[in-house]
Amino acid sequence: HIENEVRKELHVDLVIHYDPVVTDDAEGNAMREMVKEI
């Protein structure tokens, strides 16, 4: 849907790669924020 929307509104042929993100891992979330801060 997003690819079609970009093509229609912005006249750009967009290809999107899907990256799944684990959001319910407490340790992973904590380390992600720590690395961002660093």
PDB file of all heavy atoms in Angstrom:
ATOM      1  N   HIS A   1       0.830  -1.205   0.000  1.00  0.00           N
ATOM      2  CA  HIS A   1       0.000   0.000   0.000  1.00  0.00           C
ATOM      3  C   HIS A   1       0.867   1.258   0.000  1.00  0.00           C
ATOM      4  O   HIS A   1       0.591   2.217  -0.734  1.00  0.00           O
ATOM      5  CB  HIS A   1      -0.925  -0.008   1.226  1.00  0.00           C
ATOM      6  CG  HIS A   1      -1.715   1.248   1.378  1.00  0.00           C
ATOM      7  ND1 HIS A   1      -2.762   1.583   0.548  1.00  0.00           N
ATOM      8  CD2 HIS A   1      -1.584   2.285   2.269  1.00  0.00           C
ATOM      9  CE1 HIS A   1      -3.259   2.748   0.919  1.00  0.00           C
ATOM     10  NE2 HIS A   1      -2.559   3.201   1.953  1.00  0.00           N
ATOM     11  N   ILE A   2       1.915   1.261   0.811  1.00  0.00           N
ATOM     12  CA  ILE A   2       2.810   2.430   0.889  1.00  0.00           C
ATOM     13  C   ILE A   2       3.524   2.643  -0.437  1.00  0.00           C
ATOM     14  O   ILE A   2       3.633   3.781  -0.926  1.00  0.00           O
ATOM     15  CB  ILE A   2       3.841   2.245   2.028  1.00  0.00           C
ATOM     16  CG1 ILE A   2       3.138   2.205   3.384  1.00  0.00           C
ATOM     17  CG2 ILE A   2       4.855   3.385   2.007  1.00  0.00           C
ATOM     18  CD1 ILE A   2       4.063   1.854   4.542  1.00  0.00           C
ATOM     19  N   GLU A   3       4.003   1.560  -1.045  1.00  0.00           N
ATOM     20  CA  GLU A   3       4.702   1.673  -2.337  1.00  0.00           C
ATOM     21  C   GLU A   3       3.799   2.291  -3.403  1.00  0.00           C
ATOM     22  O   GLU A   3       4.225   3.165  -4.166  1.00  0.00           O
ATOM     23  CB  GLU A   3       5.188   0.295  -2.789  1.00  0.00           C
ATOM     24  CG  GLU A   3       6.343  -0.247  -1.957  1.00  0.00           C
ATOM     25  CD  GLU A   3       6.695  -1.678  -2.307  1.00  0.00           C
ATOM     26  OE1 GLU A   3       5.850  -2.361  -2.946  1.00  0.00           O
ATOM     27  OE2 GLU A   3       7.781  -2.135  -1.938  1.00  0.00           O
ATOM     28  N   ASN A   4       2.543   1.850  -3.432  1.00  0.00           N
ATOM     29  CA  ASN A   4       1.590   2.399  -4.398  1.00  0.00           C
ATOM     30  C   ASN A   4       1.289   3.872  -4.109  1.00  0.00           C
ATOM     31  O   ASN A   4       1.146   4.686  -5.032  1.00  0.00           O
ATOM     32  CB  ASN A   4       0.290   1.593  -4.385  1.00  0.00           C
ATOM     33  CG  ASN A   4       0.469   0.197  -4.962  1.00  0.00           C
ATOM     34  OD1 ASN A   4       1.316  -0.013  -5.835  1.00  0.00           O
ATOM     35  ND2 ASN A   4      -0.305  -0.760  -4.478  1.00  0.00           N
ATOM     36  N   GLU A   5       1.211   4.202  -2.825  1.00  0.00           N
ATOM     37  CA  GLU A   5       0.916   5.579  -2.434  1.00  0.00           C
ATOM     38  C   GLU A   5       2.058   6.519  -2.840  1.00  0.00           C
ATOM     39  O   GLU A   5       1.824   7.620  -3.343  1.00  0.00           O
ATOM     40  CB  GLU A   5       0.699   5.637  -0.916  1.00  0.00           C
ATOM     41  CG  GLU A   5       0.065   6.931  -0.436  1.00  0.00           C
ATOM     42  CD  GLU A   5      -0.239   6.895   1.051  1.00  0.00           C
ATOM     43  OE1 GLU A   5      -0.013   5.840   1.688  1.00  0.00           O
ATOM     44  OE2 GLU A   5      -0.695   7.914   1.582  1.00  0.00           O
ATOM     45  N   VAL A   6       3.288   6.080  -2.624  1.00  0.00           N
ATOM     46  CA  VAL A   6       4.453   6.893  -3.008  1.00  0.00           C
ATOM     47  C   VAL A   6       4.510   7.072  -4.522  1.00  0.00           C
ATOM     48  O   VAL A   6       4.797   8.163  -5.020  1.00  0.00           O
ATOM     49  CB  VAL A   6       5.756   6.247  -2.495  1.00  0.00           C
ATOM     50  CG1 VAL A   6       6.978   6.940  -3.088  1.00  0.00           C
ATOM     51  CG2 VAL A   6       5.812   6.308  -0.976  1.00  0.00           C
ATOM     52  N   ARG A   7       4.197   6.009  -5.242  1.00  0.00           N
ATOM     53  CA  ARG A   7       4.207   6.078  -6.704  1.00  0.00           C
ATOM     54  C   ARG A   7       3.157   7.068  -7.209  1.00  0.00           C
ATOM     55  O   ARG A   7       3.401   7.851  -8.138  1.00  0.00           O
ATOM     56  CB  ARG A   7       3.952   4.700  -7.303  1.00  0.00           C
ATOM     57  CG  ARG A   7       4.104   4.646  -8.830  1.00  0.00           C
ATOM     58  CD  ARG A   7       3.895   3.230  -9.366  1.00  0.00           C
ATOM     59  NE  ARG A   7       4.884   2.306  -8.844  1.00  0.00           N
ATOM     60  CZ  ARG A   7       4.611   1.342  -7.967  1.00  0.00           C
ATOM     61  NH1 ARG A   7       3.367   1.185  -7.511  1.00  0.00           N
ATOM     62  NH2 ARG A   7       5.557   0.536  -7.545  1.00  0.00           N
ATOM     63  N   LYS A   8       1.996   7.065  -6.568  1.00  0.00           N
ATOM     64  CA  LYS A   8       0.899   7.922  -6.999  1.00  0.00           C
ATOM     65  C   LYS A   8       1.132   9.381  -6.611  1.00  0.00           C
ATOM     66  O   LYS A   8       0.917  10.297  -7.416  1.00  0.00           O
ATOM     67  CB  LYS A   8      -0.416   7.419  -6.378  1.00  0.00           C
ATOM     68  CG  LYS A   8      -1.633   8.234  -6.777  1.00  0.00           C
ATOM     69  CD  LYS A   8      -2.898   7.672  -6.137  1.00  0.00           C
ATOM     70  CE  LYS A   8      -4.118   8.515  -6.502  1.00  0.00           C
ATOM     71  NZ  LYS A   8      -5.352   7.986  -5.852  1.00  0.00           N
ATOM     72  N   GLU A   9       1.565   9.631  -5.387  1.00  0.00           N
ATOM     73  CA  GLU A   9       1.672  10.998  -4.885  1.00  0.00           C
ATOM     74  C   GLU A   9       3.008  11.670  -5.207  1.00  0.00           C
ATOM     75  O   GLU A   9       3.060  12.874  -5.446  1.00  0.00           O
ATOM     76  CB  GLU A   9       1.439  11.024  -3.368  1.00  0.00           C
ATOM     77  CG  GLU A   9       0.036  10.623  -2.964  1.00  0.00           C
ATOM     78  CD  GLU A   9      -0.234  10.903  -1.491  1.00  0.00           C
ATOM     79  OE1 GLU A   9       0.543  11.638  -0.858  1.00  0.00           O
ATOM     80  OE2 GLU A   9      -1.232  10.350  -0.980  1.00  0.00           O
ATOM     81  N   LEU A  10       4.098  10.894  -5.200  1.00  0.00           N
ATOM     82  CA  LEU A  10       5.426  11.487  -5.392  1.00  0.00           C
ATOM     83  C   LEU A  10       6.070  11.094  -6.719  1.00  0.00           C
ATOM     84  O   LEU A  10       7.166  11.565  -7.034  1.00  0.00           O
ATOM     85  CB  LEU A  10       6.359  11.076  -4.234  1.00  0.00           C
ATOM     86  CG  LEU A  10       5.891  11.444  -2.832  1.00  0.00           C
ATOM     87  CD1 LEU A  10       6.903  10.979  -1.794  1.00  0.00           C
ATOM     88  CD2 LEU A  10       5.673  12.951  -2.708  1.00  0.00           C
ATOM     89  N   HIS A  11       5.402  10.217  -7.487  1.00  0.00           N
ATOM     90  CA  HIS A  11       5.915   9.763  -8.785  1.00  0.00           C
ATOM     91  C   HIS A  11       7.302   9.121  -8.648  1.00  0.00           C
ATOM     92  O   HIS A  11       8.200   9.351  -9.463  1.00  0.00           O
ATOM     93  CB  HIS A  11       5.951  10.922  -9.777  1.00  0.00           C
ATOM     94  CG  HIS A  11       4.630  11.601  -9.953  1.00  0.00           C
ATOM     95  ND1 HIS A  11       3.626  11.096 -10.758  1.00  0.00           N
ATOM     96  CD2 HIS A  11       4.132  12.740  -9.391  1.00  0.00           C
ATOM     97  CE1 HIS A  11       2.573  11.894 -10.692  1.00  0.00           C
ATOM     98  NE2 HIS A  11       2.850  12.881  -9.877  1.00  0.00           N
ATOM     99  N   VAL A  12       7.446   8.329  -7.594  1.00  0.00           N
ATOM    100  CA  VAL A  12       8.690   7.610  -7.335  1.00  0.00           C
ATOM    101  C   VAL A  12       8.375   6.125  -7.242  1.00  0.00           C
ATOM    102  O   VAL A  12       7.467   5.723  -6.511  1.00  0.00           O
ATOM    103  CB  VAL A  12       9.350   8.083  -6.017  1.00  0.00           C
ATOM    104  CG1 VAL A  12      10.571   7.228  -5.701  1.00  0.00           C
ATOM    105  CG2 VAL A  12       9.738   9.552  -6.108  1.00  0.00           C
ATOM    106  N   ASP A  13       9.103   5.311  -8.003  1.00  0.00           N
ATOM    107  CA  ASP A  13       8.932   3.854  -7.907  1.00  0.00           C
ATOM    108  C   ASP A  13       9.752   3.371  -6.719  1.00  0.00           C
ATOM    109  O   ASP A  13      10.975   3.231  -6.809  1.00  0.00           O
ATOM    110  CB  ASP A  13       9.404   3.183  -9.194  1.00  0.00           C
ATOM    111  CG  ASP A  13       8.401   3.325 -10.317  1.00  0.00           C
ATOM    112  OD1 ASP A  13       7.351   2.669 -10.240  1.00  0.00           O
ATOM    113  OD2 ASP A  13       8.656   4.107 -11.249  1.00  0.00           O
ATOM    114  N   LEU A  14       9.064   3.119  -5.617  1.00  0.00           N
ATOM    115  CA  LEU A  14       9.723   2.763  -4.360  1.00  0.00           C
ATOM    116  C   LEU A  14       9.602   1.273  -4.072  1.00  0.00           C
ATOM    117  O   LEU A  14       8.534   0.684  -4.222  1.00  0.00           O
ATOM    118  CB  LEU A  14       9.102   3.559  -3.206  1.00  0.00           C
ATOM    119  CG  LEU A  14       9.624   3.270  -1.801  1.00  0.00           C
ATOM    120  CD1 LEU A  14      11.080   3.692  -1.674  1.00  0.00           C
ATOM    121  CD2 LEU A  14       8.772   3.976  -0.750  1.00  0.00           C
ATOM    122  N   VAL A  15      10.729   0.683  -3.661  1.00  0.00           N
ATOM    123  CA  VAL A  15      10.747  -0.716  -3.201  1.00  0.00           C
ATOM    124  C   VAL A  15      11.125  -0.687  -1.723  1.00  0.00           C
ATOM    125  O   VAL A  15      12.145  -0.105  -1.350  1.00  0.00           O
ATOM    126  CB  VAL A  15      11.759  -1.556  -3.995  1.00  0.00           C
ATOM    127  CG1 VAL A  15      11.837  -2.963  -3.411  1.00  0.00           C
ATOM    128  CG2 VAL A  15      11.380  -1.610  -5.468  1.00  0.00           C
ATOM    129  N   ILE A  16      10.297  -1.317  -0.885  1.00  0.00           N
ATOM    130  CA  ILE A  16      10.518  -1.296   0.562  1.00  0.00           C
ATOM    131  C   ILE A  16      10.946  -2.674   1.056  1.00  0.00           C
ATOM    132  O   ILE A  16      10.303  -3.686   0.754  1.00  0.00           O
ATOM    133  CB  ILE A  16       9.244  -0.852   1.314  1.00  0.00           C
ATOM    134  CG1 ILE A  16       8.854   0.567   0.898  1.00  0.00           C
ATOM    135  CG2 ILE A  16       9.457  -0.909   2.819  1.00  0.00           C
ATOM    136  CD1 ILE A  16       7.562   1.069   1.547  1.00  0.00           C
ATOM    137  N   HIS A  17      12.041  -2.685   1.802  1.00  0.00           N
ATOM    138  CA  HIS A  17      12.500  -3.912   2.460  1.00  0.00           C
ATOM    139  C   HIS A  17      11.917  -3.931   3.884  1.00  0.00           C
ATOM    140  O   HIS A  17      12.031  -2.957   4.624  1.00  0.00           O
ATOM    141  CB  HIS A  17      14.025  -3.942   2.517  1.00  0.00           C
ATOM    142  CG  HIS A  17      14.573  -5.063   3.338  1.00  0.00           C
ATOM    143  ND1 HIS A  17      14.661  -6.361   2.872  1.00  0.00           N
ATOM    144  CD2 HIS A  17      15.062  -5.088   4.607  1.00  0.00           C
ATOM    145  CE1 HIS A  17      15.177  -7.127   3.803  1.00  0.00           C
ATOM    146  NE2 HIS A  17      15.433  -6.389   4.870  1.00  0.00           N
ATOM    147  N   TYR A  18      11.306  -5.028   4.233  1.00  0.00           N
ATOM    148  CA  TYR A  18      10.650  -5.158   5.545  1.00  0.00           C
ATOM    149  C   TYR A  18      11.649  -5.612   6.600  1.00  0.00           C
ATOM    150  O   TYR A  18      12.256  -6.677   6.488  1.00  0.00           O
ATOM    151  CB  TYR A  18       9.479  -6.133   5.405  1.00  0.00           C
ATOM    152  CG  TYR A  18       8.926  -6.706   6.697  1.00  0.00           C
ATOM    153  CD1 TYR A  18       8.683  -5.898   7.801  1.00  0.00           C
ATOM    154  CD2 TYR A  18       8.620  -8.072   6.796  1.00  0.00           C
ATOM    155  CE1 TYR A  18       8.172  -6.434   8.972  1.00  0.00           C
ATOM    156  CE2 TYR A  18       8.098  -8.614   7.951  1.00  0.00           C
ATOM    157  CZ  TYR A  18       7.885  -7.791   9.048  1.00  0.00           C
ATOM    158  OH  TYR A  18       7.374  -8.306  10.204  1.00  0.00           O
ATOM    159  N   ASP A  19      11.826  -4.793   7.639  1.00  0.00           N
ATOM    160  CA  ASP A  19      12.688  -5.133   8.771  1.00  0.00           C
ATOM    161  C   ASP A  19      11.825  -5.396  10.010  1.00  0.00           C
ATOM    162  O   ASP A  19      11.236  -4.458  10.571  1.00  0.00           O
ATOM    163  CB  ASP A  19      13.655  -3.979   9.093  1.00  0.00           C
ATOM    164  CG  ASP A  19      14.892  -3.999   8.222  1.00  0.00           C
ATOM    165  OD1 ASP A  19      15.134  -5.018   7.582  1.00  0.00           O
ATOM    166  OD2 ASP A  19      15.599  -2.980   8.171  1.00  0.00           O
ATOM    167  N   PRO A  20      11.710  -6.658  10.448  1.00  0.00           N
ATOM    168  CA  PRO A  20      10.943  -6.928  11.670  1.00  0.00           C
ATOM    169  C   PRO A  20      11.737  -6.498  12.908  1.00  0.00           C
ATOM    170  O   PRO A  20      12.940  -6.764  13.007  1.00  0.00           O
ATOM    171  CB  PRO A  20      10.749  -8.450  11.630  1.00  0.00           C
ATOM    172  CG  PRO A  20      11.892  -8.951  10.811  1.00  0.00           C
ATOM    173  CD  PRO A  20      12.232  -7.882   9.824  1.00  0.00           C
ATOM    174  N   VAL A  21      11.081  -5.811  13.823  1.00  0.00           N
ATOM    175  CA  VAL A  21      11.739  -5.320  15.033  1.00  0.00           C
ATOM    176  C   VAL A  21      11.071  -5.961  16.252  1.00  0.00           C
ATOM    177  O   VAL A  21       9.848  -5.907  16.405  1.00  0.00           O
ATOM    178  CB  VAL A  21      11.635  -3.786  15.140  1.00  0.00           C
ATOM    179  CG1 VAL A  21      12.261  -3.288  16.440  1.00  0.00           C
ATOM    180  CG2 VAL A  21      12.302  -3.127  13.944  1.00  0.00           C
ATOM    181  N   VAL A  22      11.904  -6.569  17.113  1.00  0.00           N
ATOM    182  CA  VAL A  22      11.382  -7.170  18.352  1.00  0.00           C
ATOM    183  C   VAL A  22      11.141  -6.049  19.363  1.00  0.00           C
ATOM    184  O   VAL A  22      12.064  -5.317  19.735  1.00  0.00           O
ATOM    185  CB  VAL A  22      12.372  -8.196  18.929  1.00  0.00           C
ATOM    186  CG1 VAL A  22      11.847  -8.768  20.240  1.00  0.00           C
ATOM    187  CG2 VAL A  22      12.631  -9.310  17.918  1.00  0.00           C
ATOM    188  N   THR A  23       9.907  -5.887  19.763  1.00  0.00           N
ATOM    189  CA  THR A  23       9.560  -4.767  20.659  1.00  0.00           C
ATOM    190  C   THR A  23       9.228  -5.210  22.083  1.00  0.00           C
ATOM    191  O   THR A  23       9.052  -4.364  22.961  1.00  0.00           O
ATOM    192  CB  THR A  23       8.344  -4.005  20.083  1.00  0.00           C
ATOM    193  OG1 THR A  23       7.246  -4.925  19.931  1.00  0.00           O
ATOM    194  CG2 THR A  23       8.681  -3.386  18.737  1.00  0.00           C
ATOM    195  N   ASP A  24       9.126  -6.534  22.330  1.00  0.00           N
ATOM    196  CA  ASP A  24       8.719  -7.003  23.660  1.00  0.00           C
ATOM    197  C   ASP A  24       9.865  -7.671  24.423  1.00  0.00           C
ATOM    198  O   ASP A  24       9.647  -8.465  25.327  1.00  0.00           O
ATOM    199  CB  ASP A  24       7.529  -7.964  23.541  1.00  0.00           C
ATOM    200  CG  ASP A  24       7.826  -9.151  22.618  1.00  0.00           C
ATOM    201  OD1 ASP A  24       8.940  -9.184  22.057  1.00  0.00           O
ATOM    202  OD2 ASP A  24       6.937 -10.003  22.460  1.00  0.00           O
ATOM    203  N   ASP A  25      11.122  -7.349  24.051  1.00  0.00           N
ATOM    204  CA  ASP A  25      12.296  -7.891  24.731  1.00  0.00           C
ATOM    205  C   ASP A  25      12.877  -6.788  25.621  1.00  0.00           C
ATOM    206  O   ASP A  25      13.469  -5.817  25.125  1.00  0.00           O
ATOM    207  CB  ASP A  25      13.329  -8.355  23.704  1.00  0.00           C
ATOM    208  CG  ASP A  25      14.598  -8.915  24.347  1.00  0.00           C
ATOM    209  OD1 ASP A  25      14.683  -8.936  25.590  1.00  0.00           O
ATOM    210  OD2 ASP A  25      15.510  -9.306  23.596  1.00  0.00           O
ATOM    211  N   ALA A  26      12.702  -6.931  26.936  1.00  0.00           N
ATOM    212  CA  ALA A  26      13.116  -5.884  27.877  1.00  0.00           C
ATOM    213  C   ALA A  26      14.612  -5.608  27.793  1.00  0.00           C
ATOM    214  O   ALA A  26      15.045  -4.454  27.749  1.00  0.00           O
ATOM    215  CB  ALA A  26      12.724  -6.276  29.299  1.00  0.00           C
ATOM    216  N   GLU A  27      15.429  -6.668  27.764  1.00  0.00           N
ATOM    217  CA  GLU A  27      16.883  -6.489  27.690  1.00  0.00           C
ATOM    218  C   GLU A  27      17.296  -5.851  26.365  1.00  0.00           C
ATOM    219  O   GLU A  27      18.140  -4.946  26.333  1.00  0.00           O
ATOM    220  CB  GLU A  27      17.583  -7.846  27.851  1.00  0.00           C
ATOM    221  CG  GLU A  27      19.107  -7.810  27.693  1.00  0.00           C
ATOM    222  CD  GLU A  27      19.827  -7.014  28.786  1.00  0.00           C
ATOM    223  OE1 GLU A  27      19.173  -6.615  29.771  1.00  0.00           O
ATOM    224  OE2 GLU A  27      21.041  -6.789  28.650  1.00  0.00           O
ATOM    225  N   GLY A  28      16.678  -6.311  25.281  1.00  0.00           N
ATOM    226  CA  GLY A  28      16.990  -5.752  23.964  1.00  0.00           C
ATOM    227  C   GLY A  28      16.632  -4.275  23.878  1.00  0.00           C
ATOM    228  O   GLY A  28      17.405  -3.472  23.350  1.00  0.00           O
ATOM    229  N   ASN A  29      15.465  -3.912  24.435  1.00  0.00           N
ATOM    230  CA  ASN A  29      15.041  -2.516  24.418  1.00  0.00           C
ATOM    231  C   ASN A  29      15.984  -1.647  25.246  1.00  0.00           C
ATOM    232  O   ASN A  29      16.332  -0.526  24.847  1.00  0.00           O
ATOM    233  CB  ASN A  29      13.611  -2.385  24.943  1.00  0.00           C
ATOM    234  CG  ASN A  29      12.590  -3.002  23.995  1.00  0.00           C
ATOM    235  OD1 ASN A  29      12.871  -3.183  22.810  1.00  0.00           O
ATOM    236  ND2 ASN A  29      11.409  -3.324  24.514  1.00  0.00           N
ATOM    237  N   ALA A  30      16.387  -2.178  26.399  1.00  0.00           N
ATOM    238  CA  ALA A  30      17.286  -1.417  27.282  1.00  0.00           C
ATOM    239  C   ALA A  30      18.647  -1.202  26.616  1.00  0.00           C
ATOM    240  O   ALA A  30      19.210  -0.095  26.663  1.00  0.00           O
ATOM    241  CB  ALA A  30      17.456  -2.145  28.614  1.00  0.00           C
ATOM    242  N   MET A  31      19.171  -2.232  25.969  1.00  0.00           N
ATOM    243  CA  MET A  31      20.472  -2.111  25.315  1.00  0.00           C
ATOM    244  C   MET A  31      20.391  -1.191  24.088  1.00  0.00           C
ATOM    245  O   MET A  31      21.329  -0.452  23.795  1.00  0.00           O
ATOM    246  CB  MET A  31      20.988  -3.486  24.898  1.00  0.00           C
ATOM    247  CG  MET A  31      21.393  -4.388  26.071  1.00  0.00           C
ATOM    248  SD  MET A  31      22.549  -3.559  27.202  1.00  0.00           S
ATOM    249  CE  MET A  31      23.893  -3.131  26.099  1.00  0.00           C
ATOM    250  N   ARG A  32      19.253  -1.255  23.397  1.00  0.00           N
ATOM    251  CA  ARG A  32      19.085  -0.367  22.244  1.00  0.00           C
ATOM    252  C   ARG A  32      19.169   1.088  22.684  1.00  0.00           C
ATOM    253  O   ARG A  32      19.863   1.906  22.067  1.00  0.00           O
ATOM    254  CB  ARG A  32      17.750  -0.634  21.546  1.00  0.00           C
ATOM    255  CG  ARG A  32      17.525   0.251  20.303  1.00  0.00           C
ATOM    256  CD  ARG A  32      16.142   0.081  19.696  1.00  0.00           C
ATOM    257  NE  ARG A  32      15.965  -1.246  19.140  1.00  0.00           N
ATOM    258  CZ  ARG A  32      15.180  -2.169  19.668  1.00  0.00           C
ATOM    259  NH1 ARG A  32      14.523  -1.932  20.798  1.00  0.00           N
ATOM    260  NH2 ARG A  32      15.055  -3.346  19.097  1.00  0.00           N
ATOM    261  N   GLU A  33      18.470   1.419  23.763  1.00  0.00           N
ATOM    262  CA  GLU A  33      18.483   2.802  24.259  1.00  0.00           C
ATOM    263  C   GLU A  33      19.869   3.195  24.767  1.00  0.00           C
ATOM    264  O   GLU A  33      20.305   4.338  24.596  1.00  0.00           O
ATOM    265  CB  GLU A  33      17.440   2.963  25.372  1.00  0.00           C
ATOM    266  CG  GLU A  33      15.998   2.825  24.894  1.00  0.00           C
ATOM    267  CD  GLU A  33      15.674   3.777  23.755  1.00  0.00           C
ATOM    268  OE1 GLU A  33      16.055   4.963  23.860  1.00  0.00           O
ATOM    269  OE2 GLU A  33      15.066   3.329  22.761  1.00  0.00           O
ATOM    270  N   MET A  34      20.560   2.246  25.376  1.00  0.00           N
ATOM    271  CA  MET A  34      21.902   2.530  25.894  1.00  0.00           C
ATOM    272  C   MET A  34      22.872   2.842  24.755  1.00  0.00           C
ATOM    273  O   MET A  34      23.652   3.792  24.821  1.00  0.00           O
ATOM    274  CB  MET A  34      22.424   1.343  26.715  1.00  0.00           C
ATOM    275  CG  MET A  34      23.816   1.598  27.330  1.00  0.00           C
ATOM    276  SD  MET A  34      24.408   0.200  28.312  1.00  0.00           S
ATOM    277  CE  MET A  34      23.242   0.263  29.685  1.00  0.00           C
ATOM    278  N   VAL A  35      22.815   2.009  23.691  1.00  0.00           N
ATOM    279  CA  VAL A  35      23.697   2.236  22.548  1.00  0.00           C
ATOM    280  C   VAL A  35      23.363   3.564  21.860  1.00  0.00           C
ATOM    281  O   VAL A  35      24.246   4.308  21.441  1.00  0.00           O
ATOM    282  CB  VAL A  35      23.613   1.059  21.554  1.00  0.00           C
ATOM    283  CG1 VAL A  35      24.405   1.369  20.284  1.00  0.00           C
ATOM    284  CG2 VAL A  35      24.128  -0.218  22.187  1.00  0.00           C
ATOM    285  N   LYS A  36      22.068   3.894  21.764  1.00  0.00           N
ATOM    286  CA  LYS A  36      21.662   5.181  21.181  1.00  0.00           C
ATOM    287  C   LYS A  36      22.273   6.339  21.960  1.00  0.00           C
ATOM    288  O   LYS A  36      22.760   7.321  21.383  1.00  0.00           O
ATOM    289  CB  LYS A  36      20.133   5.301  21.181  1.00  0.00           C
ATOM    290  CG  LYS A  36      19.433   4.567  20.055  1.00  0.00           C
ATOM    291  CD  LYS A  36      17.940   4.851  20.103  1.00  0.00           C
ATOM    292  CE  LYS A  36      17.202   4.150  18.979  1.00  0.00           C
ATOM    293  NZ  LYS A  36      15.739   4.417  19.039  1.00  0.00           N
ATOM    294  N   GLU A  37      22.230   6.220  23.275  1.00  0.00           N
ATOM    295  CA  GLU A  37      22.785   7.272  24.131  1.00  0.00           C
ATOM    296  C   GLU A  37      24.300   7.389  23.928  1.00  0.00           C
ATOM    297  O   GLU A  37      24.839   8.497  23.853  1.00  0.00           O
ATOM    298  CB  GLU A  37      22.473   6.958  25.599  1.00  0.00           C
ATOM    299  CG  GLU A  37      22.977   8.019  26.562  1.00  0.00           C
ATOM    300  CD  GLU A  37      22.706   7.663  28.015  1.00  0.00           C
ATOM    301  OE1 GLU A  37      21.918   6.722  28.260  1.00  0.00           O
ATOM    302  OE2 GLU A  37      23.282   8.315  28.897  1.00  0.00           O
ATOM    303  N   ILE A  38      24.969   6.244  23.815  1.00  0.00           N
ATOM    304  CA  ILE A  38      26.428   6.243  23.632  1.00  0.00           C
ATOM    305  C   ILE A  38      26.818   6.922  22.323  1.00  0.00           C
ATOM    306  O   ILE A  38      27.704   7.783  22.296  1.00  0.00           O
ATOM    307  CB  ILE A  38      26.969   4.799  23.679  1.00  0.00           C
ATOM    308  CG1 ILE A  38      26.882   4.245  25.102  1.00  0.00           C
ATOM    309  CG2 ILE A  38      28.423   4.750  23.184  1.00  0.00           C
ATOM    310  CD1 ILE A  38      27.197   2.764  25.197  1.00  0.00           C
TER     311      ILE A  38
END
